[in-house]
PDB file of N, CA and C in Angstrom:
ATOM      1  N   MET A   1      -7.193-114.492 -28.866  1.00  0.00           N
ATOM      2  CA  MET A   1      -7.446-113.597 -30.220  1.00  0.00           C
ATOM      3  C   MET A   1      -7.250-114.793 -31.011  1.00  0.00           C
ATOM      4  N   GLU A   2      -7.007-113.778 -32.053  1.00  0.00           N
ATOM      5  CA  GLU A   2      -6.563-114.747 -33.464  1.00  0.00           C
ATOM      6  C   GLU A   2      -5.411-114.851 -33.276  1.00  0.00           C
ATOM      7  N   LYS A   3      -5.073-116.690 -33.942  1.00  0.00           N
ATOM      8  CA  LYS A   3      -3.526-116.504 -34.042  1.00  0.00           C
ATOM      9  C   LYS A   3      -2.638-115.379 -34.866  1.00  0.00           C
ATOM     10  N   TYR A   4      -3.097-115.168 -36.032  1.00  0.00           N
ATOM     11  CA  TYR A   4      -2.184-113.816 -36.491  1.00  0.00           C
ATOM     12  C   TYR A   4      -2.453-112.957 -36.385  1.00  0.00           C
ATOM     13  N   ILE A   5      -3.288-112.544 -35.625  1.00  0.00           N
ATOM     14  CA  ILE A   5      -3.316-110.793 -35.180  1.00  0.00           C
ATOM     15  C   ILE A   5      -2.443-110.971 -34.180  1.00  0.00           C
ATOM     16  N   LEU A   6      -2.242-112.051 -33.363  1.00  0.00           N
ATOM     17  CA  LEU A   6      -1.243-112.229 -32.015  1.00  0.00           C
ATOM     18  C   LEU A   6       0.123-111.872 -32.936  1.00  0.00           C
ATOM     19  N   ILE A   7       0.496-112.688 -33.883  1.00  0.00           N
ATOM     20  CA  ILE A   7       1.816-112.568 -34.656  1.00  0.00           C
ATOM     21  C   ILE A   7       1.939-111.478 -35.029  1.00  0.00           C
ATOM     22  N   LEU A   8       0.717-110.305 -35.480  1.00  0.00           N
ATOM     23  CA  LEU A   8       1.515-109.013 -35.970  1.00  0.00           C
ATOM     24  C   LEU A   8       1.995-108.309 -34.668  1.00  0.00           C
ATOM     25  N   PHE A   9       0.771-108.406 -33.497  1.00  0.00           N
ATOM     26  CA  PHE A   9       0.903-108.020 -32.400  1.00  0.00           C
ATOM     27  C   PHE A   9       2.463-108.120 -31.710  1.00  0.00           C
ATOM     28  N   VAL A  10       3.167-109.224 -31.865  1.00  0.00           N
ATOM     29  CA  VAL A  10       4.079-109.351 -31.355  1.00  0.00           C
ATOM     30  C   VAL A  10       5.242-108.876 -32.621  1.00  0.00           C
ATOM     31  N   ALA A  11       5.180-108.924 -33.629  1.00  0.00           N
ATOM     32  CA  ALA A  11       6.024-108.365 -34.381  1.00  0.00           C
ATOM     33  C   ALA A  11       5.993-106.421 -34.098  1.00  0.00           C
ATOM     34  N   PHE A  12       4.743-106.413 -33.686  1.00  0.00           N
ATOM     35  CA  PHE A  12       4.703-104.847 -33.186  1.00  0.00           C
ATOM     36  C   PHE A  12       5.999-104.886 -31.582  1.00  0.00           C
ATOM     37  N   CYS A  13       5.846-105.422 -31.322  1.00  0.00           N
ATOM     38  CA  CYS A  13       6.629-105.887 -30.144  1.00  0.00           C
ATOM     39  C   CYS A  13       7.977-105.293 -30.298  1.00  0.00           C
ATOM     40  N   ALA A  14       8.464-106.483 -31.331  1.00  0.00           N
ATOM     41  CA  ALA A  14       9.576-106.418 -31.958  1.00  0.00           C
ATOM     42  C   ALA A  14      10.155-105.113 -32.561  1.00  0.00           C
ATOM     43  N   PHE A  15       9.370-104.371 -33.074  1.00  0.00           N
ATOM     44  CA  PHE A  15       9.792-103.124 -33.415  1.00  0.00           C
ATOM     45  C   PHE A  15       9.935-102.162 -32.544  1.00  0.00           C
ATOM     46  N   LEU A  16       9.101-102.294 -31.438  1.00  0.00           N
ATOM     47  CA  LEU A  16       9.504-101.155 -30.641  1.00  0.00           C
ATOM     48  C   LEU A  16      10.447-101.357 -30.143  1.00  0.00           C
ATOM     49  N   GLY A  17      11.223-102.702 -29.937  1.00  0.00           N
ATOM     50  CA  GLY A  17      12.407-102.824 -29.063  1.00  0.00           C
ATOM     51  C   GLY A  17      13.427-102.882 -29.927  1.00  0.00           C
ATOM     52  N   ALA A  18      13.157-102.585 -30.966  1.00  0.00           N
ATOM     53  CA  ALA A  18      14.318-102.441 -32.194  1.00  0.00           C
ATOM     54  C   ALA A  18      14.312-100.934 -31.921  1.00  0.00           C
ATOM     55  N   VAL A  19      13.548-100.284 -32.056  1.00  0.00           N
ATOM     56  CA  VAL A  19      13.750 -98.818 -32.250  1.00  0.00           C
ATOM     57  C   VAL A  19      14.194 -98.103 -30.396  1.00  0.00           C
ATOM     58  N   GLY A  20      13.940 -99.223 -29.637  1.00  0.00           N
ATOM     59  CA  GLY A  20      14.462 -99.057 -28.477  1.00  0.00           C
ATOM     60  C   GLY A  20      16.299 -99.336 -28.595  1.00  0.00           C
ATOM     61  N   GLN A  21      16.566-100.102 -29.018  1.00  0.00           N
ATOM     62  CA  GLN A  21      17.920-100.247 -29.490  1.00  0.00           C
ATOM     63  C   GLN A  21      18.849 -99.175 -30.349  1.00  0.00           C
ATOM     64  N   ILE A  22      17.864 -98.745 -31.601  1.00  0.00           N
ATOM     65  CA  ILE A  22      18.609 -97.838 -31.874  1.00  0.00           C
ATOM     66  C   ILE A  22      18.594 -96.399 -30.913  1.00  0.00           C
ATOM     67  N   PHE A  23      17.777 -96.484 -29.905  1.00  0.00           N
ATOM     68  CA  PHE A  23      18.193 -95.063 -29.353  1.00  0.00           C
ATOM     69  C   PHE A  23      19.270 -95.361 -28.200  1.00  0.00           C
ATOM     70  N   PHE A  24      19.204 -96.940 -27.747  1.00  0.00           N
ATOM     71  CA  PHE A  24      20.745 -96.889 -26.918  1.00  0.00           C
ATOM     72  C   PHE A  24      22.008 -96.952 -27.544  1.00  0.00           C
ATOM     73  N   LYS A  25      22.055 -97.185 -29.054  1.00  0.00           N
ATOM     74  CA  LYS A  25      22.863 -97.279 -29.830  1.00  0.00           C
ATOM     75  C   LYS A  25      23.264 -95.287 -29.781  1.00  0.00           C
ATOM     76  N   LEU A  26      22.473 -94.471 -30.347  1.00  0.00           N
ATOM     77  CA  LEU A  26      22.649 -93.114 -30.332  1.00  0.00           C
ATOM     78  C   LEU A  26      22.996 -92.411 -28.761  1.00  0.00           C
ATOM     79  N   GLY A  27      22.546 -92.867 -27.816  1.00  0.00           N
ATOM     80  CA  GLY A  27      22.912 -92.534 -26.651  1.00  0.00           C
ATOM     81  C   GLY A  27      24.118 -93.364 -25.946  1.00  0.00           C
ATOM     82  N   ALA A  28      24.436 -94.160 -26.492  1.00  0.00           N
ATOM     83  CA  ALA A  28      25.902 -94.844 -26.374  1.00  0.00           C
ATOM     84  C   ALA A  28      27.474 -93.906 -26.204  1.00  0.00           C
ATOM     85  N   PRO A  29      27.404 -93.194 -27.025  1.00  0.00           N
ATOM     86  CA  PRO A  29      28.753 -92.336 -27.008  1.00  0.00           C
ATOM     87  C   PRO A  29      28.785 -91.223 -25.891  1.00  0.00           C
ATOM     88  N   SER A  30      27.711 -90.979 -25.578  1.00  0.00           N
ATOM     89  CA  SER A  30      27.650 -90.009 -24.408  1.00  0.00           C
ATOM     90  C   SER A  30      27.703 -90.896 -22.926  1.00  0.00           C
ATOM     91  N   ALA A  31      27.150 -91.974 -23.049  1.00  0.00           N
ATOM     92  CA  ALA A  31      27.111 -92.476 -21.569  1.00  0.00           C
ATOM     93  C   ALA A  31      28.048 -92.886 -20.837  1.00  0.00           C
ATOM     94  N   LYS A  32      27.969 -92.238 -19.552  1.00  0.00           N
ATOM     95  CA  LYS A  32      28.814 -93.137 -18.489  1.00  0.00           C
ATOM     96  C   LYS A  32      28.475 -94.230 -17.690  1.00  0.00           C
ATOM     97  N   LEU A  33      29.040 -94.628 -16.984  1.00  0.00           N
ATOM     98  CA  LEU A  33      28.629 -96.047 -16.091  1.00  0.00           C
ATOM     99  C   LEU A  33      28.355 -95.336 -15.037  1.00  0.00           C
ATOM    100  N   ASP A  34      28.010 -94.269 -14.776  1.00  0.00           N
ATOM    101  CA  ASP A  34      27.262 -93.963 -13.051  1.00  0.00           C
ATOM    102  C   ASP A  34      25.677 -93.124 -13.209  1.00  0.00           C
ATOM    103  N   LEU A  35      25.580 -92.669 -12.064  1.00  0.00           N
ATOM    104  CA  LEU A  35      23.861 -92.002 -12.183  1.00  0.00           C
ATOM    105  C   LEU A  35      23.594 -91.143 -13.178  1.00  0.00           C
ATOM    106  N   SER A  36      24.595 -90.386 -14.170  1.00  0.00           N
ATOM    107  CA  SER A  36      24.804 -89.178 -14.999  1.00  0.00           C
ATOM    108  C   SER A  36      23.538 -89.959 -16.589  1.00  0.00           C
ATOM    109  N   ILE A  37      23.740 -91.436 -16.564  1.00  0.00           N
ATOM    110  CA  ILE A  37      23.290 -92.317 -17.147  1.00  0.00           C
ATOM    111  C   ILE A  37      21.770 -92.139 -17.542  1.00  0.00           C
ATOM    112  N   LEU A  38      20.904 -91.983 -16.404  1.00  0.00           N
ATOM    113  CA  LEU A  38      19.571 -91.289 -16.305  1.00  0.00           C
ATOM    114  C   LEU A  38      19.320 -90.052 -16.301  1.00  0.00           C
ATOM    115  N   THR A  39      20.048 -89.401 -16.998  1.00  0.00           N
ATOM    116  CA  THR A  39      19.773 -88.119 -18.010  1.00  0.00           C
ATOM    117  C   THR A  39      20.319 -88.228 -19.287  1.00  0.00           C
ATOM    118  N   ASN A  40      20.575 -89.293 -20.100  1.00  0.00           N
ATOM    119  CA  ASN A  40      20.436 -89.281 -21.204  1.00  0.00           C
ATOM    120  C   ASN A  40      19.310 -89.543 -22.053  1.00  0.00           C
ATOM    121  N   TYR A  41      19.106 -89.035 -22.273  1.00  0.00           N
ATOM    122  CA  TYR A  41      17.337 -89.080 -22.998  1.00  0.00           C
ATOM    123  C   TYR A  41      17.295 -89.582 -23.811  1.00  0.00           C
ATOM    124  N   HIS A  42      18.576 -90.297 -24.921  1.00  0.00           N
ATOM    125  CA  HIS A  42      18.495 -91.424 -25.991  1.00  0.00           C
ATOM    126  C   HIS A  42      18.017 -92.565 -25.071  1.00  0.00           C
ATOM    127  N   ILE A  43      19.168 -92.881 -23.869  1.00  0.00           N
ATOM    128  CA  ILE A  43      19.353 -94.054 -23.258  1.00  0.00           C
ATOM    129  C   ILE A  43      17.539 -94.393 -22.411  1.00  0.00           C
ATOM    130  N   LEU A  44      17.102 -93.083 -21.809  1.00  0.00           N
ATOM    131  CA  LEU A  44      15.797 -93.156 -21.110  1.00  0.00           C
ATOM    132  C   LEU A  44      14.557 -93.862 -21.994  1.00  0.00           C
ATOM    133  N   LEU A  45      14.666 -92.865 -23.463  1.00  0.00           N
ATOM    134  CA  LEU A  45      13.450 -93.118 -24.210  1.00  0.00           C
ATOM    135  C   LEU A  45      13.990 -94.788 -24.367  1.00  0.00           C
ATOM    136  N   GLY A  46      14.876 -95.462 -24.952  1.00  0.00           N
ATOM    137  CA  GLY A  46      15.080 -96.530 -25.138  1.00  0.00           C
ATOM    138  C   GLY A  46      14.908 -97.525 -24.404  1.00  0.00           C
ATOM    139  N   LEU A  47      15.323 -97.413 -23.376  1.00  0.00           N
ATOM    140  CA  LEU A  47      14.742 -98.209 -21.863  1.00  0.00           C
ATOM    141  C   LEU A  47      12.981 -98.120 -22.192  1.00  0.00           C
ATOM    142  N   PHE A  48      12.133 -97.006 -22.116  1.00  0.00           N
ATOM    143  CA  PHE A  48      10.965 -97.104 -21.929  1.00  0.00           C
ATOM    144  C   PHE A  48       9.979 -97.910 -23.013  1.00  0.00           C
ATOM    145  N   LEU A  49      10.743 -97.778 -24.687  1.00  0.00           N
ATOM    146  CA  LEU A  49      10.386 -98.228 -25.855  1.00  0.00           C
ATOM    147  C   LEU A  49      10.350 -99.926 -25.318  1.00  0.00           C
ATOM    148  N   TYR A  50      11.637-100.321 -24.612  1.00  0.00           N
ATOM    149  CA  TYR A  50      11.661-101.602 -24.825  1.00  0.00           C
ATOM    150  C   TYR A  50      10.993-102.087 -23.338  1.00  0.00           C
ATOM    151  N   ALA A  51      11.427-101.174 -22.612  1.00  0.00           N
ATOM    152  CA  ALA A  51       9.627-101.736 -21.333  1.00  0.00           C
ATOM    153  C   ALA A  51       8.807-102.353 -21.915  1.00  0.00           C
ATOM    154  N   LEU A  52       8.246-101.056 -22.708  1.00  0.00           N
ATOM    155  CA  LEU A  52       6.943-101.231 -23.074  1.00  0.00           C
ATOM    156  C   LEU A  52       6.645-102.520 -24.237  1.00  0.00           C
ATOM    157  N   ALA A  53       7.876-102.504 -25.149  1.00  0.00           N
ATOM    158  CA  ALA A  53       7.779-103.937 -25.915  1.00  0.00           C
ATOM    159  C   ALA A  53       7.488-105.144 -24.896  1.00  0.00           C
ATOM    160  N   THR A  54       8.401-104.946 -24.237  1.00  0.00           N
ATOM    161  CA  THR A  54       8.213-106.677 -22.857  1.00  0.00           C
ATOM    162  C   THR A  54       6.611-106.640 -22.153  1.00  0.00           C
ATOM    163  N   VAL A  55       6.588-105.621 -21.752  1.00  0.00           N
ATOM    164  CA  VAL A  55       5.038-105.325 -21.184  1.00  0.00           C
ATOM    165  C   VAL A  55       4.181-105.991 -22.340  1.00  0.00           C
ATOM    166  N   LEU A  56       3.838-105.398 -23.283  1.00  0.00           N
ATOM    167  CA  LEU A  56       2.861-105.779 -24.416  1.00  0.00           C
ATOM    168  C   LEU A  56       3.253-107.206 -24.656  1.00  0.00           C
ATOM    169  N   PHE A  57       4.705-107.927 -24.511  1.00  0.00           N
ATOM    170  CA  PHE A  57       4.995-109.534 -25.325  1.00  0.00           C
ATOM    171  C   PHE A  57       4.210-110.054 -24.014  1.00  0.00           C
ATOM    172  N   ILE A  58       4.551-109.254 -22.666  1.00  0.00           N
ATOM    173  CA  ILE A  58       3.707-110.565 -21.857  1.00  0.00           C
ATOM    174  C   ILE A  58       2.294-110.548 -21.913  1.00  0.00           C
ATOM    175  N   PHE A  59       1.578-109.304 -22.135  1.00  0.00           N
ATOM    176  CA  PHE A  59       0.194-109.476 -22.832  1.00  0.00           C
ATOM    177  C   PHE A  59       0.125-110.544 -23.876  1.00  0.00           C
ATOM    178  N   ALA A  60       0.560-110.363 -24.729  1.00  0.00           N
ATOM    179  CA  ALA A  60       0.452-110.893 -26.008  1.00  0.00           C
ATOM    180  C   ALA A  60       0.370-112.752 -25.250  1.00  0.00           C
ATOM    181  N   LEU A  61       1.571-112.866 -24.290  1.00  0.00           N
ATOM    182  CA  LEU A  61       1.516-114.334 -24.009  1.00  0.00           C
ATOM    183  C   LEU A  61       0.437-114.872 -22.818  1.00  0.00           C
ATOM    184  N   LYS A  62      -0.544-114.200 -22.704  1.00  0.00           N
ATOM    185  CA  LYS A  62      -1.885-114.354 -22.250  1.00  0.00           C
ATOM    186  C   LYS A  62      -2.790-115.198 -23.054  1.00  0.00           C
ATOM    187  N   PHE A  63      -2.810-114.749 -24.452  1.00  0.00           N
ATOM    188  CA  PHE A  63      -3.401-115.740 -25.110  1.00  0.00           C
ATOM    189  C   PHE A  63      -2.956-116.460 -26.554  1.00  0.00           C
ATOM    190  N   GLY A  64      -1.361-116.460 -26.378  1.00  0.00           N
ATOM    191  CA  GLY A  64      -0.879-117.589 -27.394  1.00  0.00           C
ATOM    192  C   GLY A  64       0.093-118.291 -26.947  1.00  0.00           C
ATOM    193  N   GLU A  65       0.538-119.271 -27.349  1.00  0.00           N
ATOM    194  CA  GLU A  65       1.787-119.859 -26.885  1.00  0.00           C
ATOM    195  C   GLU A  65       2.617-119.336 -27.298  1.00  0.00           C
ATOM    196  N   VAL A  66       4.158-119.290 -26.292  1.00  0.00           N
ATOM    197  CA  VAL A  66       5.218-118.879 -25.928  1.00  0.00           C
ATOM    198  C   VAL A  66       6.013-119.510 -27.036  1.00  0.00           C
ATOM    199  N   SER A  67       5.828-120.989 -27.834  1.00  0.00           N
ATOM    200  CA  SER A  67       6.613-121.740 -28.704  1.00  0.00           C
ATOM    201  C   SER A  67       6.290-120.784 -30.000  1.00  0.00           C
ATOM    202  N   LEU A  68       5.263-120.314 -30.096  1.00  0.00           N
ATOM    203  CA  LEU A  68       4.584-119.998 -31.295  1.00  0.00           C
ATOM    204  C   LEU A  68       4.965-118.460 -31.489  1.00  0.00           C
ATOM    205  N   LEU A  69       4.955-117.511 -30.191  1.00  0.00           N
ATOM    206  CA  LEU A  69       4.872-116.153 -30.434  1.00  0.00           C
ATOM    207  C   LEU A  69       6.316-115.988 -30.421  1.00  0.00           C
ATOM    208  N   TYR A  70       7.221-115.943 -29.434  1.00  0.00           N
ATOM    209  CA  TYR A  70       8.173-115.883 -29.106  1.00  0.00           C
ATOM    210  C   TYR A  70       9.510-115.603 -30.114  1.00  0.00           C
ATOM    211  N   PRO A  71       9.385-117.113 -30.993  1.00  0.00           N
ATOM    212  CA  PRO A  71       9.933-116.349 -32.965  1.00  0.00           C
ATOM    213  C   PRO A  71      10.104-115.541 -33.436  1.00  0.00           C
ATOM    214  N   VAL A  72       8.859-115.292 -32.969  1.00  0.00           N
ATOM    215  CA  VAL A  72       8.338-113.560 -33.838  1.00  0.00           C
ATOM    216  C   VAL A  72       9.021-112.547 -33.246  1.00  0.00           C
ATOM    217  N   ILE A  73       9.721-112.497 -32.340  1.00  0.00           N
ATOM    218  CA  ILE A  73      10.745-111.418 -31.678  1.00  0.00           C
ATOM    219  C   ILE A  73      11.920-111.360 -32.473  1.00  0.00           C
ATOM    220  N   ALA A  74      12.339-112.514 -33.350  1.00  0.00           N
ATOM    221  CA  ALA A  74      13.279-112.698 -34.136  1.00  0.00           C
ATOM    222  C   ALA A  74      13.559-111.519 -35.486  1.00  0.00           C
ATOM    223  N   THR A  75      12.234-111.172 -35.421  1.00  0.00           N
ATOM    224  CA  THR A  75      12.491-110.111 -36.301  1.00  0.00           C
ATOM    225  C   THR A  75      12.862-108.464 -36.187  1.00  0.00           C
ATOM    226  N   SER A  76      12.846-108.855 -34.335  1.00  0.00           N
ATOM    227  CA  SER A  76      13.641-107.262 -34.207  1.00  0.00           C
ATOM    228  C   SER A  76      14.932-107.092 -34.778  1.00  0.00           C
ATOM    229  N   TYR A  77      15.548-108.148 -35.037  1.00  0.00           N
ATOM    230  CA  TYR A  77      17.219-108.198 -36.035  1.00  0.00           C
ATOM    231  C   TYR A  77      17.005-107.652 -37.128  1.00  0.00           C
ATOM    232  N   ILE A  78      15.644-107.564 -37.752  1.00  0.00           N
ATOM    233  CA  ILE A  78      15.399-107.006 -38.806  1.00  0.00           C
ATOM    234  C   ILE A  78      15.330-105.677 -38.915  1.00  0.00           C
ATOM    235  N   TRP A  79      14.288-105.856 -37.849  1.00  0.00           N
ATOM    236  CA  TRP A  79      14.253-104.019 -37.786  1.00  0.00           C
ATOM    237  C   TRP A  79      15.589-103.430 -37.718  1.00  0.00           C
ATOM    238  N   VAL A  80      16.201-103.697 -36.236  1.00  0.00           N
ATOM    239  CA  VAL A  80      17.557-103.148 -36.571  1.00  0.00           C
ATOM    240  C   VAL A  80      18.415-102.866 -37.381  1.00  0.00           C
ATOM    241  N   MET A  81      18.790-103.814 -38.368  1.00  0.00           N
ATOM    242  CA  MET A  81      19.581-103.719 -39.567  1.00  0.00           C
ATOM    243  C   MET A  81      18.786-102.494 -40.254  1.00  0.00           C
ATOM    244  N   ILE A  82      17.677-102.786 -40.568  1.00  0.00           N
ATOM    245  CA  ILE A  82      17.016-101.669 -41.500  1.00  0.00           C
ATOM    246  C   ILE A  82      16.941-100.252 -40.813  1.00  0.00           C
ATOM    247  N   PHE A  83      16.807-100.210 -39.779  1.00  0.00           N
ATOM    248  CA  PHE A  83      16.637 -98.954 -38.975  1.00  0.00           C
ATOM    249  C   PHE A  83      18.267 -98.381 -38.643  1.00  0.00           C
ATOM    250  N   ALA A  84      19.549 -99.099 -38.471  1.00  0.00           N
ATOM    251  CA  ALA A  84      20.791 -98.843 -38.404  1.00  0.00           C
ATOM    252  C   ALA A  84      21.182 -98.368 -39.731  1.00  0.00           C
ATOM    253  N   THR A  85      20.631 -99.294 -41.066  1.00  0.00           N
ATOM    254  CA  THR A  85      21.107 -98.395 -41.969  1.00  0.00           C
ATOM    255  C   THR A  85      20.319 -97.006 -42.871  1.00  0.00           C
ATOM    256  N   VAL A  86      19.292 -96.863 -42.409  1.00  0.00           N
ATOM    257  CA  VAL A  86      18.309 -95.524 -42.344  1.00  0.00           C
ATOM    258  C   VAL A  86      18.625 -94.466 -41.718  1.00  0.00           C
ATOM    259  N   PHE A  87      19.078 -94.862 -39.950  1.00  0.00           N
ATOM    260  CA  PHE A  87      19.541 -93.885 -39.166  1.00  0.00           C
ATOM    261  C   PHE A  87      20.964 -93.513 -38.775  1.00  0.00           C
ATOM    262  N   LEU A  88      21.550 -94.536 -39.120  1.00  0.00           N
ATOM    263  CA  LEU A  88      22.362 -94.717 -38.572  1.00  0.00           C
ATOM    264  C   LEU A  88      23.732 -94.677 -39.794  1.00  0.00           C
ATOM    265  N   GLY A  89      23.321 -95.166 -40.925  1.00  0.00           N
ATOM    266  CA  GLY A  89      24.293 -94.944 -42.079  1.00  0.00           C
ATOM    267  C   GLY A  89      25.358 -96.111 -41.915  1.00  0.00           C
ATOM    268  N   GLU A  90      24.934 -97.555 -41.565  1.00  0.00           N
ATOM    269  CA  GLU A  90      25.558 -98.444 -41.538  1.00  0.00           C
ATOM    270  C   GLU A  90      25.059 -99.103 -42.992  1.00  0.00           C
ATOM    271  N   LYS A  91      26.053-100.228 -43.383  1.00  0.00           N
ATOM    272  CA  LYS A  91      25.956-101.179 -44.501  1.00  0.00           C
ATOM    273  C   LYS A  91      24.875-102.240 -44.172  1.00  0.00           C
ATOM    274  N   ILE A  92      24.275-102.737 -45.262  1.00  0.00           N
ATOM    275  CA  ILE A  92      23.926-103.979 -45.223  1.00  0.00           C
ATOM    276  C   ILE A  92      24.446-105.010 -46.695  1.00  0.00           C
ATOM    277  N   ASN A  93      25.240-106.006 -46.204  1.00  0.00           N
ATOM    278  CA  ASN A  93      25.632-107.089 -47.364  1.00  0.00           C
ATOM    279  C   ASN A  93      25.006-108.297 -47.946  1.00  0.00           C
ATOM    280  N   MET A  94      25.520-109.013 -48.523  1.00  0.00           N
ATOM    281  CA  MET A  94      24.969-109.756 -48.751  1.00  0.00           C
ATOM    282  C   MET A  94      24.370-110.737 -47.781  1.00  0.00           C
ATOM    283  N   PHE A  95      25.227-111.441 -46.674  1.00  0.00           N
ATOM    284  CA  PHE A  95      24.677-112.104 -46.012  1.00  0.00           C
ATOM    285  C   PHE A  95      24.124-111.612 -44.753  1.00  0.00           C
ATOM    286  N   ASN A  96      23.770-110.383 -44.336  1.00  0.00           N
ATOM    287  CA  ASN A  96      22.896-109.866 -43.576  1.00  0.00           C
ATOM    288  C   ASN A  96      21.837-110.031 -44.681  1.00  0.00           C
ATOM    289  N   TRP A  97      21.053-110.094 -45.716  1.00  0.00           N
ATOM    290  CA  TRP A  97      20.199-110.168 -46.265  1.00  0.00           C
ATOM    291  C   TRP A  97      19.991-111.620 -46.276  1.00  0.00           C
ATOM    292  N   PHE A  98      20.866-112.840 -46.642  1.00  0.00           N
ATOM    293  CA  PHE A  98      20.528-114.021 -46.249  1.00  0.00           C
ATOM    294  C   PHE A  98      20.351-114.511 -44.690  1.00  0.00           C
ATOM    295  N   GLY A  99      20.779-113.391 -43.704  1.00  0.00           N
ATOM    296  CA  GLY A  99      20.484-113.584 -42.365  1.00  0.00           C
ATOM    297  C   GLY A  99      18.895-113.487 -42.281  1.00  0.00           C
ATOM    298  N   VAL A 100      18.417-112.475 -43.339  1.00  0.00           N
ATOM    299  CA  VAL A 100      17.118-111.821 -43.285  1.00  0.00           C
ATOM    300  C   VAL A 100      16.181-113.028 -43.729  1.00  0.00           C
ATOM    301  N   PHE A 101      16.487-113.774 -44.662  1.00  0.00           N
ATOM    302  CA  PHE A 101      16.159-114.850 -45.523  1.00  0.00           C
ATOM    303  C   PHE A 101      15.584-116.214 -44.563  1.00  0.00           C
ATOM    304  N   LEU A 102      16.668-116.287 -43.632  1.00  0.00           N
ATOM    305  CA  LEU A 102      16.699-117.412 -42.703  1.00  0.00           C
ATOM    306  C   LEU A 102      15.740-117.244 -41.457  1.00  0.00           C
ATOM    307  N   ILE A 103      15.879-116.193 -41.150  1.00  0.00           N
ATOM    308  CA  ILE A 103      15.146-115.800 -40.040  1.00  0.00           C
ATOM    309  C   ILE A 103      13.337-115.562 -40.267  1.00  0.00           C
ATOM    310  N   LEU A 104      13.270-115.413 -41.925  1.00  0.00           N
ATOM    311  CA  LEU A 104      11.971-115.306 -41.736  1.00  0.00           C
ATOM    312  C   LEU A 104      11.438-116.644 -42.513  1.00  0.00           C
ATOM    313  N   SER A 105      12.073-117.559 -42.815  1.00  0.00           N
ATOM    314  CA  SER A 105      11.782-118.737 -42.823  1.00  0.00           C
ATOM    315  C   SER A 105      11.532-119.561 -42.017  1.00  0.00           C
ATOM    316  N   GLY A 106      12.532-119.068 -40.371  1.00  0.00           N
ATOM    317  CA  GLY A 106      12.316-120.256 -39.554  1.00  0.00           C
ATOM    318  C   GLY A 106      10.946-119.507 -39.179  1.00  0.00           C
ATOM    319  N   ILE A 107      10.592-118.659 -39.044  1.00  0.00           N
ATOM    320  CA  ILE A 107       9.411-118.027 -38.687  1.00  0.00           C
ATOM    321  C   ILE A 107       8.202-118.767 -39.101  1.00  0.00           C
ATOM    322  N   TYR A 108       8.106-118.468 -40.680  1.00  0.00           N
ATOM    323  CA  TYR A 108       6.896-118.825 -41.155  1.00  0.00           C
ATOM    324  C   TYR A 108       7.147-120.624 -41.069  1.00  0.00           C
ATOM    325  N   PHE A 109       8.305-121.367 -41.143  1.00  0.00           N
ATOM    326  CA  PHE A 109       7.982-122.587 -40.488  1.00  0.00           C
ATOM    327  C   PHE A 109       7.450-122.997 -39.196  1.00  0.00           C
ATOM    328  N   ILE A 110       7.890-121.996 -38.461  1.00  0.00           N
ATOM    329  CA  ILE A 110       7.085-122.040 -37.063  1.00  0.00           C
ATOM    330  C   ILE A 110       5.815-121.820 -36.653  1.00  0.00           C
ATOM    331  N   VAL A 111       5.115-120.914 -37.496  1.00  0.00           N
ATOM    332  CA  VAL A 111       4.100-120.401 -37.338  1.00  0.00           C
ATOM    333  C   VAL A 111       2.930-121.014 -38.020  1.00  0.00           C
ATOM    334  N   ARG A 112       3.280-121.820 -39.050  1.00  0.00           N
ATOM    335  CA  ARG A 112       2.427-122.318 -40.086  1.00  0.00           C
ATOM    336  C   ARG A 112       1.570-123.534 -39.076  1.00  0.00           C
TER     337      ARG A 112
END
């Protein structure tokens, strides 16, 4: 597979994992540490998306180097920050944006 297609594919995996994390957060208030957690649809959907992201990432590793592809997973931090702001009402400050800049800069230098 073309390097940049793989990078976009892994960014999509990070996106799915980030959506899964938001569902974990939505399910957390009603979650208990017993078998009832298996009936929490937010948790179940989060697990499904997280597992799907992992399986797709493993597929991507078949075609590319882990040292190139794994850093792209760091975009999940950016996705989570955006989704937490939009869907959970969390605030983004200047340090968060600086972190986004550092993450994207690091990915840029690694994938060059």
